[in-house]
N, C-alpha and C. Protein backbone atom coordinates (compact mmCIF):
# COMPACT_ATOMS: atom_id res chain seq x y z
N UNK A 1 5.12 11.82 15.78
CA UNK A 1 5.48 11.15 14.55
C UNK A 1 5.62 12.21 13.46
N UNK A 2 6.68 12.08 12.66
CA UNK A 2 6.88 13.04 11.58
C UNK A 2 5.83 12.85 10.49
N UNK A 3 5.59 13.92 9.75
CA UNK A 3 4.52 13.91 8.75
C UNK A 3 4.75 12.88 7.67
N UNK A 4 5.98 12.74 7.17
CA UNK A 4 6.21 11.79 6.07
C UNK A 4 5.93 10.35 6.51
N UNK A 5 6.25 10.01 7.73
CA UNK A 5 5.97 8.65 8.21
C UNK A 5 4.48 8.44 8.39
N UNK A 6 3.78 9.45 8.82
CA UNK A 6 2.33 9.32 9.01
C UNK A 6 1.66 9.01 7.67
N UNK A 7 2.08 9.70 6.60
CA UNK A 7 1.47 9.46 5.29
C UNK A 7 1.82 8.09 4.76
N UNK A 8 3.04 7.63 5.01
CA UNK A 8 3.42 6.30 4.56
C UNK A 8 2.59 5.24 5.28
N UNK A 9 2.36 5.44 6.57
CA UNK A 9 1.59 4.46 7.33
C UNK A 9 0.09 4.52 7.03
N UNK A 10 -0.40 5.67 6.57
CA UNK A 10 -1.82 5.79 6.22
C UNK A 10 -2.13 5.34 4.79
N UNK A 11 -1.12 5.20 3.95
CA UNK A 11 -1.34 4.84 2.55
C UNK A 11 -2.07 3.50 2.38
N UNK A 12 -1.75 2.45 3.16
CA UNK A 12 -2.52 1.20 2.99
C UNK A 12 -4.01 1.36 3.29
N UNK A 13 -4.35 2.28 4.16
CA UNK A 13 -5.77 2.51 4.46
C UNK A 13 -6.47 3.10 3.24
N UNK A 14 -5.78 3.98 2.51
CA UNK A 14 -6.33 4.52 1.27
C UNK A 14 -6.55 3.43 0.24
N UNK A 15 -5.59 2.51 0.15
CA UNK A 15 -5.73 1.37 -0.76
C UNK A 15 -6.95 0.54 -0.40
N UNK A 16 -7.10 0.23 0.88
CA UNK A 16 -8.25 -0.57 1.32
C UNK A 16 -9.57 0.15 1.09
N UNK A 17 -9.58 1.46 1.29
CA UNK A 17 -10.80 2.25 1.07
C UNK A 17 -11.23 2.17 -0.39
N UNK A 18 -10.29 2.41 -1.31
CA UNK A 18 -10.65 2.36 -2.74
C UNK A 18 -10.97 0.95 -3.20
N UNK A 19 -10.34 -0.05 -2.60
CA UNK A 19 -10.67 -1.44 -2.92
C UNK A 19 -12.11 -1.74 -2.51
N UNK A 20 -12.50 -1.32 -1.30
CA UNK A 20 -13.87 -1.51 -0.84
C UNK A 20 -14.86 -0.78 -1.75
N UNK A 21 -14.54 0.48 -2.10
CA UNK A 21 -15.44 1.25 -2.96
C UNK A 21 -15.55 0.63 -4.35
N UNK A 22 -14.46 0.07 -4.85
CA UNK A 22 -14.50 -0.60 -6.15
C UNK A 22 -15.46 -1.79 -6.10
N UNK A 23 -15.31 -2.64 -5.09
CA UNK A 23 -16.18 -3.81 -5.00
C UNK A 23 -17.63 -3.42 -4.72
N UNK A 24 -17.86 -2.37 -3.97
CA UNK A 24 -19.23 -1.92 -3.73
C UNK A 24 -19.87 -1.42 -5.02
N UNK A 25 -19.11 -0.67 -5.81
CA UNK A 25 -19.69 -0.19 -7.07
C UNK A 25 -19.87 -1.32 -8.07
N UNK A 26 -18.99 -2.33 -8.04
CA UNK A 26 -19.21 -3.49 -8.91
C UNK A 26 -20.45 -4.28 -8.50
N UNK A 27 -20.71 -4.34 -7.20
CA UNK A 27 -21.93 -5.00 -6.74
C UNK A 27 -23.16 -4.23 -7.21
N UNK A 28 -23.07 -2.90 -7.21
CA UNK A 28 -24.18 -2.10 -7.73
C UNK A 28 -24.36 -2.31 -9.23
N UNK A 29 -23.27 -2.48 -9.96
CA UNK A 29 -23.37 -2.76 -11.39
C UNK A 29 -24.11 -4.07 -11.62
N UNK A 30 -23.78 -5.08 -10.82
CA UNK A 30 -24.43 -6.39 -10.99
C UNK A 30 -25.91 -6.36 -10.64
N UNK A 31 -26.29 -5.49 -9.72
CA UNK A 31 -27.71 -5.45 -9.32
C UNK A 31 -28.54 -4.49 -10.16
N UNK A 32 -27.92 -3.39 -10.65
CA UNK A 32 -28.70 -2.38 -11.37
C UNK A 32 -28.43 -2.37 -12.87
N UNK A 33 -27.35 -3.01 -13.33
CA UNK A 33 -26.96 -3.00 -14.74
C UNK A 33 -26.77 -1.58 -15.26
N UNK A 34 -26.24 -0.71 -14.40
CA UNK A 34 -26.04 0.69 -14.76
C UNK A 34 -24.61 0.93 -15.21
N UNK A 35 -24.45 1.65 -16.34
CA UNK A 35 -23.12 1.99 -16.83
C UNK A 35 -22.43 3.01 -15.94
N UNK A 36 -23.21 3.83 -15.29
CA UNK A 36 -22.64 4.87 -14.43
C UNK A 36 -21.83 4.23 -13.31
N UNK A 37 -22.40 3.21 -12.68
CA UNK A 37 -21.67 2.53 -11.61
C UNK A 37 -20.45 1.79 -12.16
N UNK A 38 -20.54 1.32 -13.40
CA UNK A 38 -19.39 0.68 -14.03
C UNK A 38 -18.25 1.66 -14.24
N UNK A 39 -18.59 2.87 -14.66
CA UNK A 39 -17.56 3.90 -14.83
C UNK A 39 -16.96 4.30 -13.49
N UNK A 40 -17.79 4.39 -12.48
CA UNK A 40 -17.30 4.73 -11.14
C UNK A 40 -16.37 3.62 -10.63
N UNK A 41 -16.72 2.39 -10.91
CA UNK A 41 -15.86 1.27 -10.50
C UNK A 41 -14.51 1.35 -11.19
N UNK A 42 -14.50 1.77 -12.43
CA UNK A 42 -13.24 1.94 -13.15
C UNK A 42 -12.36 3.01 -12.54
N UNK A 43 -12.97 4.10 -12.10
CA UNK A 43 -12.22 5.18 -11.44
C UNK A 43 -11.66 4.68 -10.12
N UNK A 44 -12.46 3.93 -9.37
CA UNK A 44 -11.97 3.40 -8.10
C UNK A 44 -10.85 2.38 -8.30
N UNK A 45 -10.92 1.62 -9.38
CA UNK A 45 -9.84 0.68 -9.69
C UNK A 45 -8.55 1.44 -9.96
N UNK A 46 -8.64 2.50 -10.75
CA UNK A 46 -7.47 3.33 -11.03
C UNK A 46 -6.90 3.92 -9.75
N UNK A 47 -7.75 4.45 -8.89
CA UNK A 47 -7.28 5.05 -7.64
C UNK A 47 -6.65 3.99 -6.73
N UNK A 48 -7.19 2.78 -6.76
CA UNK A 48 -6.63 1.69 -5.95
C UNK A 48 -5.19 1.42 -6.38
N UNK A 49 -4.95 1.37 -7.68
CA UNK A 49 -3.60 1.09 -8.16
C UNK A 49 -2.68 2.29 -8.00
N UNK A 50 -3.24 3.50 -7.96
CA UNK A 50 -2.42 4.67 -7.65
C UNK A 50 -1.86 4.56 -6.24
N UNK A 51 -2.61 4.01 -5.32
CA UNK A 51 -2.12 3.78 -3.96
C UNK A 51 -1.23 2.54 -3.89
N UNK A 52 -1.56 1.52 -4.68
CA UNK A 52 -0.87 0.23 -4.55
C UNK A 52 0.56 0.25 -5.08
N UNK A 53 0.78 0.82 -6.24
CA UNK A 53 2.10 0.74 -6.88
C UNK A 53 3.20 1.39 -6.04
N UNK A 54 3.01 2.59 -5.50
CA UNK A 54 4.08 3.13 -4.64
C UNK A 54 4.29 2.30 -3.38
N UNK A 55 3.23 1.70 -2.87
CA UNK A 55 3.36 0.89 -1.66
C UNK A 55 4.21 -0.35 -1.89
N UNK A 56 4.17 -0.89 -3.10
CA UNK A 56 5.01 -2.05 -3.42
C UNK A 56 6.48 -1.67 -3.29
N UNK A 57 6.85 -0.54 -3.89
CA UNK A 57 8.25 -0.11 -3.85
C UNK A 57 8.67 0.32 -2.44
N UNK A 58 7.77 0.95 -1.72
CA UNK A 58 8.08 1.33 -0.33
C UNK A 58 8.29 0.09 0.51
N UNK A 59 7.45 -0.93 0.32
CA UNK A 59 7.58 -2.17 1.08
C UNK A 59 8.91 -2.86 0.81
N UNK A 60 9.28 -2.96 -0.47
CA UNK A 60 10.55 -3.58 -0.80
C UNK A 60 11.71 -2.77 -0.23
N UNK A 61 11.63 -1.46 -0.33
CA UNK A 61 12.69 -0.60 0.20
C UNK A 61 12.85 -0.75 1.69
N UNK A 62 11.74 -0.77 2.40
CA UNK A 62 11.81 -0.92 3.86
C UNK A 62 12.29 -2.32 4.24
N UNK A 63 11.92 -3.32 3.46
CA UNK A 63 12.41 -4.67 3.72
C UNK A 63 13.91 -4.78 3.54
N UNK A 64 14.42 -4.20 2.46
CA UNK A 64 15.87 -4.21 2.21
C UNK A 64 16.59 -3.43 3.30
N UNK A 65 16.04 -2.28 3.70
CA UNK A 65 16.66 -1.49 4.77
C UNK A 65 16.70 -2.28 6.07
N UNK A 66 15.65 -3.04 6.36
CA UNK A 66 15.62 -3.86 7.56
C UNK A 66 16.65 -4.97 7.52
N UNK A 67 16.81 -5.61 6.37
CA UNK A 67 17.81 -6.67 6.23
C UNK A 67 19.22 -6.10 6.39
N UNK A 68 19.47 -4.94 5.79
CA UNK A 68 20.78 -4.30 5.93
C UNK A 68 21.03 -3.92 7.38
N UNK A 69 20.03 -3.41 8.08
CA UNK A 69 20.19 -3.05 9.49
C UNK A 69 20.51 -4.27 10.34
N UNK A 70 19.84 -5.38 10.09
CA UNK A 70 20.12 -6.62 10.84
C UNK A 70 21.55 -7.09 10.56
N UNK A 71 21.96 -7.05 9.29
CA UNK A 71 23.30 -7.47 8.92
C UNK A 71 24.35 -6.59 9.59
N UNK A 72 24.15 -5.28 9.56
CA UNK A 72 25.11 -4.36 10.18
C UNK A 72 25.17 -4.56 11.70
N UNK A 73 24.02 -4.81 12.31
CA UNK A 73 24.00 -5.04 13.76
C UNK A 73 24.78 -6.31 14.11
N UNK A 74 24.61 -7.37 13.31
CA UNK A 74 25.35 -8.61 13.56
C UNK A 74 26.85 -8.40 13.38
N UNK A 75 27.24 -7.64 12.34
CA UNK A 75 28.66 -7.36 12.13
C UNK A 75 29.23 -6.55 13.29
N UNK A 76 28.47 -5.59 13.78
CA UNK A 76 28.92 -4.76 14.90
C UNK A 76 29.07 -5.62 16.15
N UNK A 77 28.12 -6.52 16.41
CA UNK A 77 28.20 -7.39 17.58
C UNK A 77 29.41 -8.32 17.50
N UNK A 78 29.71 -8.84 16.29
CA UNK A 78 30.86 -9.71 16.12
C UNK A 78 32.16 -8.97 16.35
N UNK A 79 32.23 -7.72 15.89
CA UNK A 79 33.44 -6.92 16.09
C UNK A 79 33.64 -6.59 17.55
N UNK A 80 32.55 -6.26 18.24
CA UNK A 80 32.66 -5.92 19.67
C UNK A 80 33.01 -7.14 20.52
N UNK A 81 32.54 -8.33 20.11
CA UNK A 81 32.82 -9.53 20.91
C UNK A 81 34.27 -10.00 20.74
N UNK A 82 34.92 -9.60 19.66
CA UNK A 82 36.33 -9.99 19.44
C UNK A 82 37.19 -9.01 20.12
């Protein structure tokens, strides 16, 4: 597998990791009432969205590419059958 595809496929795991760490630090805030854990939760929230926003555009791009590929394949099949 090429390197760029590997990173694209691993990006959702990074999102899930930071999401888990955000919720874990928020749970610590609720139990300890510590501002430090609140600040850490804020950093994890930021990192979560750093992973999330590019994934939204990548998902839409890959979806559009898939629809175009299906459309082109159908057009090619229709041309070959005639």
